[in-house]
PDB file of N, CA and C in Angstrom:
ATOM      1  N   MET A   1      -0.063  -3.563  19.002  1.00  0.00           N
ATOM      2  CA  MET A   1      -0.412  -2.910  17.774  1.00  0.00           C
ATOM      3  C   MET A   1      -0.390  -1.392  18.001  1.00  0.00           C
ATOM      4  N   LYS A   2       0.041  -0.671  16.971  1.00  0.00           N
ATOM      5  CA  LYS A   2       0.087   0.776  17.063  1.00  0.00           C
ATOM      6  C   LYS A   2      -1.322   1.359  17.058  1.00  0.00           C
ATOM      7  N   SER A   3      -1.448   2.515  17.650  1.00  0.00           N
ATOM      8  CA  SER A   3      -2.731   3.199  17.645  1.00  0.00           C
ATOM      9  C   SER A   3      -3.019   3.732  16.244  1.00  0.00           C
ATOM     10  N   PRO A   4      -4.308   3.936  15.918  1.00  0.00           N
ATOM     11  CA  PRO A   4      -4.631   4.512  14.604  1.00  0.00           C
ATOM     12  C   PRO A   4      -3.926   5.842  14.369  1.00  0.00           C
ATOM     13  N   ALA A   5      -3.814   6.661  15.388  1.00  0.00           N
ATOM     14  CA  ALA A   5      -3.141   7.962  15.231  1.00  0.00           C
ATOM     15  C   ALA A   5      -1.666   7.773  14.883  1.00  0.00           C
ATOM     16  N   ALA A   6      -1.014   6.801  15.516  1.00  0.00           N
ATOM     17  CA  ALA A   6       0.398   6.541  15.222  1.00  0.00           C
ATOM     18  C   ALA A   6       0.568   6.019  13.795  1.00  0.00           C
ATOM     19  N   LEU A   7      -0.364   5.164  13.354  1.00  0.00           N
ATOM     20  CA  LEU A   7      -0.294   4.651  11.988  1.00  0.00           C
ATOM     21  C   LEU A   7      -0.507   5.771  10.972  1.00  0.00           C
ATOM     22  N   LEU A   8      -1.461   6.643  11.248  1.00  0.00           N
ATOM     23  CA  LEU A   8      -1.709   7.758  10.339  1.00  0.00           C
ATOM     24  C   LEU A   8      -0.498   8.688  10.285  1.00  0.00           C
ATOM     25  N   ALA A   9       0.122   8.933  11.420  1.00  0.00           N
ATOM     26  CA  ALA A   9       1.321   9.779  11.447  1.00  0.00           C
ATOM     27  C   ALA A   9       2.439   9.138  10.636  1.00  0.00           C
ATOM     28  N   LYS A  10       2.605   7.815  10.773  1.00  0.00           N
ATOM     29  CA  LYS A  10       3.634   7.101  10.005  1.00  0.00           C
ATOM     30  C   LYS A  10       3.325   7.167   8.514  1.00  0.00           C
ATOM     31  N   LEU A  11       2.066   7.000   8.143  1.00  0.00           N
ATOM     32  CA  LEU A  11       1.686   7.099   6.735  1.00  0.00           C
ATOM     33  C   LEU A  11       2.036   8.481   6.192  1.00  0.00           C
ATOM     34  N   HIS A  12       1.684   9.511   6.929  1.00  0.00           N
ATOM     35  CA  HIS A  12       1.973  10.866   6.461  1.00  0.00           C
ATOM     36  C   HIS A  12       3.475  11.115   6.359  1.00  0.00           C
ATOM     37  N   ARG A  13       4.261  10.607   7.302  1.00  0.00           N
ATOM     38  CA  ARG A  13       5.723  10.744   7.206  1.00  0.00           C
ATOM     39  C   ARG A  13       6.245  10.021   5.971  1.00  0.00           C
ATOM     40  N   THR A  14       5.741   8.812   5.718  1.00  0.00           N
ATOM     41  CA  THR A  14       6.169   8.042   4.544  1.00  0.00           C
ATOM     42  C   THR A  14       5.843   8.794   3.263  1.00  0.00           C
ATOM     43  N   LEU A  15       4.643   9.359   3.193  1.00  0.00           N
ATOM     44  CA  LEU A  15       4.260  10.098   1.991  1.00  0.00           C
ATOM     45  C   LEU A  15       5.077  11.371   1.841  1.00  0.00           C
ATOM     46  N   GLU A  16       5.349  12.060   2.934  1.00  0.00           N
ATOM     47  CA  GLU A  16       6.191  13.257   2.851  1.00  0.00           C
ATOM     48  C   GLU A  16       7.589  12.905   2.364  1.00  0.00           C
ATOM     49  N   GLU A  17       8.128  11.780   2.841  1.00  0.00           N
ATOM     50  CA  GLU A  17       9.439  11.325   2.362  1.00  0.00           C
ATOM     51  C   GLU A  17       9.379  11.010   0.876  1.00  0.00           C
ATOM     52  N   THR A  18       8.294  10.378   0.441  1.00  0.00           N
ATOM     53  CA  THR A  18       8.112  10.065  -0.978  1.00  0.00           C
ATOM     54  C   THR A  18       8.116  11.335  -1.803  1.00  0.00           C
ATOM     55  N   TYR A  19       7.338  12.320  -1.392  1.00  0.00           N
ATOM     56  CA  TYR A  19       7.267  13.567  -2.142  1.00  0.00           C
ATOM     57  C   TYR A  19       8.590  14.334  -2.087  1.00  0.00           C
ATOM     58  N   ALA A  20       9.288  14.286  -0.961  1.00  0.00           N
ATOM     59  CA  ALA A  20      10.588  14.953  -0.856  1.00  0.00           C
ATOM     60  C   ALA A  20      11.593  14.323  -1.812  1.00  0.00           C
ATOM     61  N   LEU A  21      11.607  12.989  -1.861  1.00  0.00           N
ATOM     62  CA  LEU A  21      12.508  12.306  -2.797  1.00  0.00           C
ATOM     63  C   LEU A  21      12.125  12.598  -4.242  1.00  0.00           C
ATOM     64  N   GLU A  22      10.827  12.702  -4.501  1.00  0.00           N
ATOM     65  CA  GLU A  22      10.370  13.042  -5.846  1.00  0.00           C
ATOM     66  C   GLU A  22      10.898  14.418  -6.244  1.00  0.00           C
ATOM     67  N   ARG A  23      10.783  15.375  -5.336  1.00  0.00           N
ATOM     68  CA  ARG A  23      11.258  16.729  -5.629  1.00  0.00           C
ATOM     69  C   ARG A  23      12.774  16.742  -5.815  1.00  0.00           C
ATOM     70  N   GLU A  24      13.471  15.921  -5.037  1.00  0.00           N
ATOM     71  CA  GLU A  24      14.930  15.895  -5.081  1.00  0.00           C
ATOM     72  C   GLU A  24      15.463  15.196  -6.323  1.00  0.00           C
ATOM     73  N   THR A  25      14.830  14.095  -6.710  1.00  0.00           N
ATOM     74  CA  THR A  25      15.392  13.253  -7.773  1.00  0.00           C
ATOM     75  C   THR A  25      14.627  13.323  -9.084  1.00  0.00           C
ATOM     76  N   GLY A  26      13.485  13.973  -9.121  1.00  0.00           N
ATOM     77  CA  GLY A  26      12.680  13.979 -10.331  1.00  0.00           C
ATOM     78  C   GLY A  26      11.687  12.833 -10.306  1.00  0.00           C
ATOM     79  N   PHE A  27      11.217  12.459 -11.464  1.00  0.00           N
ATOM     80  CA  PHE A  27      10.134  11.486 -11.552  1.00  0.00           C
ATOM     81  C   PHE A  27      10.608  10.058 -11.827  1.00  0.00           C
ATOM     82  N   LEU A  28      11.893   9.835 -11.900  1.00  0.00           N
ATOM     83  CA  LEU A  28      12.381   8.510 -12.275  1.00  0.00           C
ATOM     84  C   LEU A  28      12.007   7.435 -11.267  1.00  0.00           C
ATOM     85  N   ARG A  29      11.908   7.791  -9.992  1.00  0.00           N
ATOM     86  CA  ARG A  29      11.611   6.809  -8.958  1.00  0.00           C
ATOM     87  C   ARG A  29      10.215   6.961  -8.381  1.00  0.00           C
ATOM     88  N   LEU A  30       9.404   7.826  -8.954  1.00  0.00           N
ATOM     89  CA  LEU A  30       8.099   8.107  -8.374  1.00  0.00           C
ATOM     90  C   LEU A  30       7.248   6.852  -8.226  1.00  0.00           C
ATOM     91  N   ASP A  31       7.147   6.038  -9.277  1.00  0.00           N
ATOM     92  CA  ASP A  31       6.311   4.838  -9.198  1.00  0.00           C
ATOM     93  C   ASP A  31       6.789   3.882  -8.115  1.00  0.00           C
ATOM     94  N   ALA A  32       8.103   3.687  -8.021  1.00  0.00           N
ATOM     95  CA  ALA A  32       8.644   2.775  -7.010  1.00  0.00           C
ATOM     96  C   ALA A  32       8.379   3.304  -5.605  1.00  0.00           C
ATOM     97  N   MET A  33       8.541   4.601  -5.407  1.00  0.00           N
ATOM     98  CA  MET A  33       8.315   5.165  -4.077  1.00  0.00           C
ATOM     99  C   MET A  33       6.836   5.096  -3.705  1.00  0.00           C
ATOM    100  N   ARG A  34       5.963   5.353  -4.659  1.00  0.00           N
ATOM    101  CA  ARG A  34       4.533   5.253  -4.368  1.00  0.00           C
ATOM    102  C   ARG A  34       4.143   3.806  -4.088  1.00  0.00           C
ATOM    103  N   SER A  35       4.746   2.876  -4.804  1.00  0.00           N
ATOM    104  CA  SER A  35       4.483   1.461  -4.528  1.00  0.00           C
ATOM    105  C   SER A  35       4.939   1.085  -3.127  1.00  0.00           C
ATOM    106  N   ASP A  36       6.082   1.621  -2.709  1.00  0.00           N
ATOM    107  CA  ASP A  36       6.565   1.359  -1.346  1.00  0.00           C
ATOM    108  C   ASP A  36       5.544   1.839  -0.313  1.00  0.00           C
ATOM    109  N   ALA A  37       5.005   3.035  -0.521  1.00  0.00           N
ATOM    110  CA  ALA A  37       4.013   3.575   0.428  1.00  0.00           C
ATOM    111  C   ALA A  37       2.744   2.731   0.408  1.00  0.00           C
ATOM    112  N   THR A  38       2.307   2.309  -0.777  1.00  0.00           N
ATOM    113  CA  THR A  38       1.100   1.485  -0.890  1.00  0.00           C
ATOM    114  C   THR A  38       1.309   0.135  -0.219  1.00  0.00           C
ATOM    115  N   PHE A  39       2.470  -0.457  -0.424  1.00  0.00           N
ATOM    116  CA  PHE A  39       2.749  -1.753   0.192  1.00  0.00           C
ATOM    117  C   PHE A  39       2.807  -1.618   1.713  1.00  0.00           C
ATOM    118  N   TRP A  40       3.338  -0.515   2.211  1.00  0.00           N
ATOM    119  CA  TRP A  40       3.370  -0.296   3.654  1.00  0.00           C
ATOM    120  C   TRP A  40       1.949  -0.270   4.207  1.00  0.00           C
ATOM    121  N   VAL A  41       1.030   0.404   3.522  1.00  0.00           N
ATOM    122  CA  VAL A  41      -0.362   0.442   3.968  1.00  0.00           C
ATOM    123  C   VAL A  41      -0.956  -0.965   3.941  1.00  0.00           C
ATOM    124  N   ALA A  42      -0.671  -1.736   2.895  1.00  0.00           N
ATOM    125  CA  ALA A  42      -1.161  -3.119   2.822  1.00  0.00           C
ATOM    126  C   ALA A  42      -0.653  -3.928   4.013  1.00  0.00           C
ATOM    127  N   GLU A  43       0.613  -3.768   4.343  1.00  0.00           N
ATOM    128  CA  GLU A  43       1.169  -4.485   5.503  1.00  0.00           C
ATOM    129  C   GLU A  43       0.461  -4.088   6.793  1.00  0.00           C
ATOM    130  N   GLN A  44       0.179  -2.799   6.949  1.00  0.00           N
ATOM    131  CA  GLN A  44      -0.499  -2.339   8.160  1.00  0.00           C
ATOM    132  C   GLN A  44      -1.907  -2.911   8.253  1.00  0.00           C
ATOM    133  N   LEU A  45      -2.627  -2.906   7.134  1.00  0.00           N
ATOM    134  CA  LEU A  45      -3.985  -3.467   7.129  1.00  0.00           C
ATOM    135  C   LEU A  45      -3.961  -4.961   7.432  1.00  0.00           C
ATOM    136  N   ALA A  46      -3.000  -5.675   6.858  1.00  0.00           N
ATOM    137  CA  ALA A  46      -2.885  -7.115   7.111  1.00  0.00           C
ATOM    138  C   ALA A  46      -2.541  -7.391   8.573  1.00  0.00           C
ATOM    139  N   SER A  47      -1.872  -6.439   9.209  1.00  0.00           N
ATOM    140  CA  SER A  47      -1.483  -6.598  10.616  1.00  0.00           C
ATOM    141  C   SER A  47      -2.565  -6.147  11.581  1.00  0.00           C
ATOM    142  N   GLY A  48      -3.719  -5.731  11.051  1.00  0.00           N
ATOM    143  CA  GLY A  48      -4.825  -5.384  11.924  1.00  0.00           C
ATOM    144  C   GLY A  48      -5.125  -3.901  12.041  1.00  0.00           C
ATOM    145  N   ALA A  49      -4.455  -3.065  11.258  1.00  0.00           N
ATOM    146  CA  ALA A  49      -4.727  -1.625  11.326  1.00  0.00           C
ATOM    147  C   ALA A  49      -6.155  -1.343  10.877  1.00  0.00           C
ATOM    148  N   SER A  50      -6.685  -0.269  11.376  1.00  0.00           N
ATOM    149  CA  SER A  50      -8.038   0.161  11.037  1.00  0.00           C
ATOM    150  C   SER A  50      -8.102   0.650   9.588  1.00  0.00           C
ATOM    151  N   LEU A  51      -9.278   0.494   8.996  1.00  0.00           N
ATOM    152  CA  LEU A  51      -9.495   1.016   7.650  1.00  0.00           C
ATOM    153  C   LEU A  51      -9.451   2.543   7.619  1.00  0.00           C
ATOM    154  N   ASP A  52      -9.407   3.175   8.796  1.00  0.00           N
ATOM    155  CA  ASP A  52      -9.235   4.630   8.853  1.00  0.00           C
ATOM    156  C   ASP A  52      -7.956   5.059   8.141  1.00  0.00           C
ATOM    157  N   LEU A  53      -7.005   4.150   8.075  1.00  0.00           N
ATOM    158  CA  LEU A  53      -5.753   4.438   7.376  1.00  0.00           C
ATOM    159  C   LEU A  53      -6.021   4.793   5.910  1.00  0.00           C
ATOM    160  N   LEU A  54      -7.010   4.140   5.312  1.00  0.00           N
ATOM    161  CA  LEU A  54      -7.349   4.450   3.915  1.00  0.00           C
ATOM    162  C   LEU A  54      -7.975   5.826   3.788  1.00  0.00           C
ATOM    163  N   GLU A  55      -8.769   6.212   4.795  1.00  0.00           N
ATOM    164  CA  GLU A  55      -9.402   7.531   4.757  1.00  0.00           C
ATOM    165  C   GLU A  55      -8.368   8.644   4.759  1.00  0.00           C
ATOM    166  N   ALA A  56      -7.219   8.392   5.364  1.00  0.00           N
ATOM    167  CA  ALA A  56      -6.166   9.401   5.443  1.00  0.00           C
ATOM    168  C   ALA A  56      -5.183   9.307   4.284  1.00  0.00           C
ATOM    169  N   SER A  57      -5.369   8.331   3.419  1.00  0.00           N
ATOM    170  CA  SER A  57      -4.446   8.106   2.304  1.00  0.00           C
ATOM    171  C   SER A  57      -4.872   8.906   1.076  1.00  0.00           C
ATOM    172  N   PRO A  58      -3.898   9.304   0.272  1.00  0.00           N
ATOM    173  CA  PRO A  58      -4.257  10.001  -0.967  1.00  0.00           C
ATOM    174  C   PRO A  58      -4.959   9.048  -1.934  1.00  0.00           C
ATOM    175  N   ASP A  59      -5.732   9.617  -2.845  1.00  0.00           N
ATOM    176  CA  ASP A  59      -6.509   8.809  -3.788  1.00  0.00           C
ATOM    177  C   ASP A  59      -5.641   7.858  -4.597  1.00  0.00           C
ATOM    178  N   TRP A  60      -4.465   8.326  -5.033  1.00  0.00           N
ATOM    179  CA  TRP A  60      -3.625   7.458  -5.857  1.00  0.00           C
ATOM    180  C   TRP A  60      -3.215   6.204  -5.100  1.00  0.00           C
ATOM    181  N   LEU A  61      -2.969   6.330  -3.787  1.00  0.00           N
ATOM    182  CA  LEU A  61      -2.566   5.177  -2.994  1.00  0.00           C
ATOM    183  C   LEU A  61      -3.719   4.194  -2.855  1.00  0.00           C
ATOM    184  N   VAL A  62      -4.894   4.693  -2.555  1.00  0.00           N
ATOM    185  CA  VAL A  62      -6.070   3.825  -2.414  1.00  0.00           C
ATOM    186  C   VAL A  62      -6.358   3.134  -3.747  1.00  0.00           C
ATOM    187  N   ASP A  63      -6.270   3.869  -4.851  1.00  0.00           N
ATOM    188  CA  ASP A  63      -6.499   3.274  -6.172  1.00  0.00           C
ATOM    189  C   ASP A  63      -5.510   2.153  -6.455  1.00  0.00           C
ATOM    190  N   GLU A  64      -4.240   2.390  -6.144  1.00  0.00           N
ATOM    191  CA  GLU A  64      -3.225   1.362  -6.388  1.00  0.00           C
ATOM    192  C   GLU A  64      -3.461   0.131  -5.515  1.00  0.00           C
ATOM    193  N   LEU A  65      -3.825   0.354  -4.260  1.00  0.00           N
ATOM    194  CA  LEU A  65      -4.099  -0.775  -3.374  1.00  0.00           C
ATOM    195  C   LEU A  65      -5.261  -1.607  -3.906  1.00  0.00           C
ATOM    196  N   TYR A  66      -6.329  -0.945  -4.342  1.00  0.00           N
ATOM    197  CA  TYR A  66      -7.466  -1.677  -4.912  1.00  0.00           C
ATOM    198  C   TYR A  66      -7.060  -2.427  -6.183  1.00  0.00           C
ATOM    199  N   GLU A  67      -6.193  -1.839  -7.009  1.00  0.00           N
ATOM    200  CA  GLU A  67      -5.714  -2.546  -8.204  1.00  0.00           C
ATOM    201  C   GLU A  67      -4.973  -3.815  -7.809  1.00  0.00           C
ATOM    202  N   TRP A  68      -4.113  -3.723  -6.795  1.00  0.00           N
ATOM    203  CA  TRP A  68      -3.362  -4.894  -6.351  1.00  0.00           C
ATOM    204  C   TRP A  68      -4.287  -5.967  -5.808  1.00  0.00           C
ATOM    205  N   VAL A  69      -5.280  -5.580  -5.030  1.00  0.00           N
ATOM    206  CA  VAL A  69      -6.227  -6.545  -4.474  1.00  0.00           C
ATOM    207  C   VAL A  69      -7.056  -7.173  -5.600  1.00  0.00           C
ATOM    208  N   THR A  70      -7.403  -6.399  -6.616  1.00  0.00           N
ATOM    209  CA  THR A  70      -8.121  -6.944  -7.771  1.00  0.00           C
ATOM    210  C   THR A  70      -7.285  -8.013  -8.458  1.00  0.00           C
ATOM    211  N   VAL A  71      -5.996  -7.759  -8.624  1.00  0.00           N
ATOM    212  CA  VAL A  71      -5.092  -8.754  -9.225  1.00  0.00           C
ATOM    213  C   VAL A  71      -5.053 -10.006  -8.365  1.00  0.00           C
ATOM    214  N   PHE A  72      -4.952  -9.825  -7.042  1.00  0.00           N
ATOM    215  CA  PHE A  72      -4.931 -10.977  -6.147  1.00  0.00           C
ATOM    216  C   PHE A  72      -6.228 -11.776  -6.246  1.00  0.00           C
ATOM    217  N   ARG A  73      -7.352 -11.084  -6.213  1.00  0.00           N
ATOM    218  CA  ARG A  73      -8.645 -11.782  -6.280  1.00  0.00           C
ATOM    219  C   ARG A  73      -8.817 -12.505  -7.613  1.00  0.00           C
ATOM    220  N   ARG A  74      -8.303 -11.937  -8.675  1.00  0.00           N
ATOM    221  CA  ARG A  74      -8.420 -12.561  -9.993  1.00  0.00           C
ATOM    222  C   ARG A  74      -7.496 -13.774 -10.124  1.00  0.00           C
ATOM    223  N   ASP A  75      -6.242 -13.611  -9.694  1.00  0.00           N
ATOM    224  CA  ASP A  75      -5.225 -14.646  -9.923  1.00  0.00           C
ATOM    225  C   ASP A  75      -5.033 -15.600  -8.751  1.00  0.00           C
ATOM    226  N   GLY A  76      -5.511 -15.212  -7.564  1.00  0.00           N
ATOM    227  CA  GLY A  76      -5.315 -16.068  -6.399  1.00  0.00           C
ATOM    228  C   GLY A  76      -3.904 -16.038  -5.847  1.00  0.00           C
ATOM    229  N   ARG A  77      -3.104 -15.119  -6.345  1.00  0.00           N
ATOM    230  CA  ARG A  77      -1.740 -14.954  -5.823  1.00  0.00           C
ATOM    231  C   ARG A  77      -1.282 -13.549  -6.141  1.00  0.00           C
ATOM    232  N   PHE A  78      -0.248 -13.100  -5.432  1.00  0.00           N
ATOM    233  CA  PHE A  78       0.291 -11.771  -5.686  1.00  0.00           C
ATOM    234  C   PHE A  78       1.765 -11.760  -5.344  1.00  0.00           C
ATOM    235  N   GLY A  79       2.590 -11.476  -6.319  1.00  0.00           N
ATOM    236  CA  GLY A  79       4.034 -11.389  -6.109  1.00  0.00           C
ATOM    237  C   GLY A  79       4.576 -10.117  -6.707  1.00  0.00           C
ATOM    238  N   PHE A  80       5.714  -9.697  -6.208  1.00  0.00           N
ATOM    239  CA  PHE A  80       6.435  -8.571  -6.779  1.00  0.00           C
ATOM    240  C   PHE A  80       7.675  -9.112  -7.453  1.00  0.00           C
ATOM    241  N   VAL A  81       8.018  -8.568  -8.589  1.00  0.00           N
ATOM    242  CA  VAL A  81       9.249  -8.942  -9.274  1.00  0.00           C
ATOM    243  C   VAL A  81      10.231  -7.796  -9.095  1.00  0.00           C
ATOM    244  N   SER A  82      11.388  -8.107  -8.582  1.00  0.00           N
ATOM    245  CA  SER A  82      12.436  -7.098  -8.416  1.00  0.00           C
ATOM    246  C   SER A  82      13.731  -7.682  -8.949  1.00  0.00           C
ATOM    247  N   ASN A  83      14.808  -6.958  -8.785  1.00  0.00           N
ATOM    248  CA  ASN A  83      16.097  -7.494  -9.227  1.00  0.00           C
ATOM    249  C   ASN A  83      16.535  -8.675  -8.374  1.00  0.00           C
ATOM    250  N   LEU A  84      15.848  -8.929  -7.283  1.00  0.00           N
ATOM    251  CA  LEU A  84      16.152 -10.082  -6.427  1.00  0.00           C
ATOM    252  C   LEU A  84      15.257 -11.275  -6.734  1.00  0.00           C
ATOM    253  N   GLY A  85      14.351 -11.116  -7.690  1.00  0.00           N
ATOM    254  CA  GLY A  85      13.434 -12.191  -8.043  1.00  0.00           C
ATOM    255  C   GLY A  85      12.038 -11.895  -7.547  1.00  0.00           C
ATOM    256  N   GLU A  86      11.164 -12.869  -7.685  1.00  0.00           N
ATOM    257  CA  GLU A  86       9.774 -12.685  -7.298  1.00  0.00           C
ATOM    258  C   GLU A  86       9.566 -13.141  -5.864  1.00  0.00           C
ATOM    259  N   VAL A  87       8.825 -12.344  -5.119  1.00  0.00           N
ATOM    260  CA  VAL A  87       8.483 -12.681  -3.739  1.00  0.00           C
ATOM    261  C   VAL A  87       6.970 -12.827  -3.680  1.00  0.00           C
ATOM    262  N   ASP A  88       6.500 -13.930  -3.136  1.00  0.00           N
ATOM    263  CA  ASP A  88       5.063 -14.189  -3.060  1.00  0.00           C
ATOM    264  C   ASP A  88       4.479 -13.526  -1.813  1.00  0.00           C
ATOM    265  N   HIS A  89       3.577 -12.584  -2.035  1.00  0.00           N
ATOM    266  CA  HIS A  89       2.908 -11.890  -0.937  1.00  0.00           C
ATOM    267  C   HIS A  89       1.439 -12.283  -0.868  1.00  0.00           C
ATOM    268  N   SER A  90       1.108 -13.473  -1.342  1.00  0.00           N
ATOM    269  CA  SER A  90      -0.287 -13.892  -1.396  1.00  0.00           C
ATOM    270  C   SER A  90      -0.932 -13.954  -0.021  1.00  0.00           C
ATOM    271  N   ALA A  91      -0.222 -14.423   0.980  1.00  0.00           N
ATOM    272  CA  ALA A  91      -0.803 -14.510   2.330  1.00  0.00           C
ATOM    273  C   ALA A  91      -1.156 -13.117   2.840  1.00  0.00           C
ATOM    274  N   LEU A  92      -0.284 -12.160   2.622  1.00  0.00           N
ATOM    275  CA  LEU A  92      -0.549 -10.794   3.049  1.00  0.00           C
ATOM    276  C   LEU A  92      -1.766 -10.240   2.318  1.00  0.00           C
ATOM    277  N   PHE A  93      -1.847 -10.446   1.004  1.00  0.00           N
ATOM    278  CA  PHE A  93      -2.958  -9.880   0.248  1.00  0.00           C
ATOM    279  C   PHE A  93      -4.267 -10.635   0.477  1.00  0.00           C
ATOM    280  N   ALA A  94      -4.198 -11.875   0.928  1.00  0.00           N
ATOM    281  CA  ALA A  94      -5.426 -12.565   1.319  1.00  0.00           C
ATOM    282  C   ALA A  94      -6.041 -11.855   2.521  1.00  0.00           C
ATOM    283  N   LEU A  95      -5.213 -11.432   3.465  1.00  0.00           N
ATOM    284  CA  LEU A  95      -5.699 -10.696   4.633  1.00  0.00           C
ATOM    285  C   LEU A  95      -6.258  -9.329   4.230  1.00  0.00           C
ATOM    286  N   VAL A  96      -5.553  -8.636   3.344  1.00  0.00           N
ATOM    287  CA  VAL A  96      -6.011  -7.310   2.902  1.00  0.00           C
ATOM    288  C   VAL A  96      -7.315  -7.442   2.116  1.00  0.00           C
ATOM    289  N   ALA A  97      -7.384  -8.425   1.220  1.00  0.00           N
ATOM    290  CA  ALA A  97      -8.590  -8.614   0.403  1.00  0.00           C
ATOM    291  C   ALA A  97      -9.799  -8.942   1.267  1.00  0.00           C
ATOM    292  N   ALA A  98      -9.589  -9.699   2.333  1.00  0.00           N
ATOM    293  CA  ALA A  98     -10.698 -10.044   3.231  1.00  0.00           C
ATOM    294  C   ALA A  98     -11.190  -8.820   4.013  1.00  0.00           C
ATOM    295  N   LYS A  99     -10.309  -7.888   4.255  1.00  0.00           N
ATOM    296  CA  LYS A  99     -10.645  -6.715   5.064  1.00  0.00           C
ATOM    297  C   LYS A  99     -11.161  -5.547   4.221  1.00  0.00           C
ATOM    298  N   LEU A 100     -10.721  -5.466   2.991  1.00  0.00           N
ATOM    299  CA  LEU A 100     -11.037  -4.303   2.146  1.00  0.00           C
ATOM    300  C   LEU A 100     -12.471  -4.341   1.653  1.00  0.00           C
ATOM    301  N   PRO A 101     -13.231  -3.298   1.923  1.00  0.00           N
ATOM    302  CA  PRO A 101     -14.625  -3.262   1.442  1.00  0.00           C
ATOM    303  C   PRO A 101     -14.656  -2.998  -0.063  1.00  0.00           C
ATOM    304  N   ALA A 102     -15.821  -3.153  -0.663  1.00  0.00           N
ATOM    305  CA  ALA A 102     -15.967  -2.845  -2.080  1.00  0.00           C
ATOM    306  C   ALA A 102     -15.590  -1.389  -2.295  1.00  0.00           C
ATOM    307  N   LYS A 103     -14.972  -1.115  -3.417  1.00  0.00           N
ATOM    308  CA  LYS A 103     -14.525   0.247  -3.719  1.00  0.00           C
ATOM    309  C   LYS A 103     -15.730   1.135  -4.004  1.00  0.00           C
ATOM    310  N   ARG A 104     -15.706   2.306  -3.387  1.00  0.00           N
ATOM    311  CA  ARG A 104     -16.757   3.292  -3.644  1.00  0.00           C
ATOM    312  C   ARG A 104     -16.511   3.958  -4.981  1.00  0.00           C
ATOM    313  N   VAL A 105     -17.554   4.092  -5.769  1.00  0.00           N
ATOM    314  CA  VAL A 105     -17.406   4.685  -7.102  1.00  0.00           C
ATOM    315  C   VAL A 105     -17.750   6.154  -7.054  1.00  0.00           C
TER     316      VAL A 105
END
């Protein structure tokens, strides 16, 4: 498993790439790129990364992750719909939901 510092560095690189693409292409892909970064964080948490990763994440990413976990907890499943069809990520989000503490208000 990667060290927390390596994960945080990867998160920051991913976010910088997201913002660079946003500046380059405009806002048409912003939601998709932010979703990619949020999903990457979910994958890291499911793989055993420390919750410190959330402390280093921007508020919008943490908010989106909590929204996704809320959907999973409500529906008992979580899938993404893309042009390739729906992919079930319920097993991944079960791990994230078990690890994620209650959201601070």
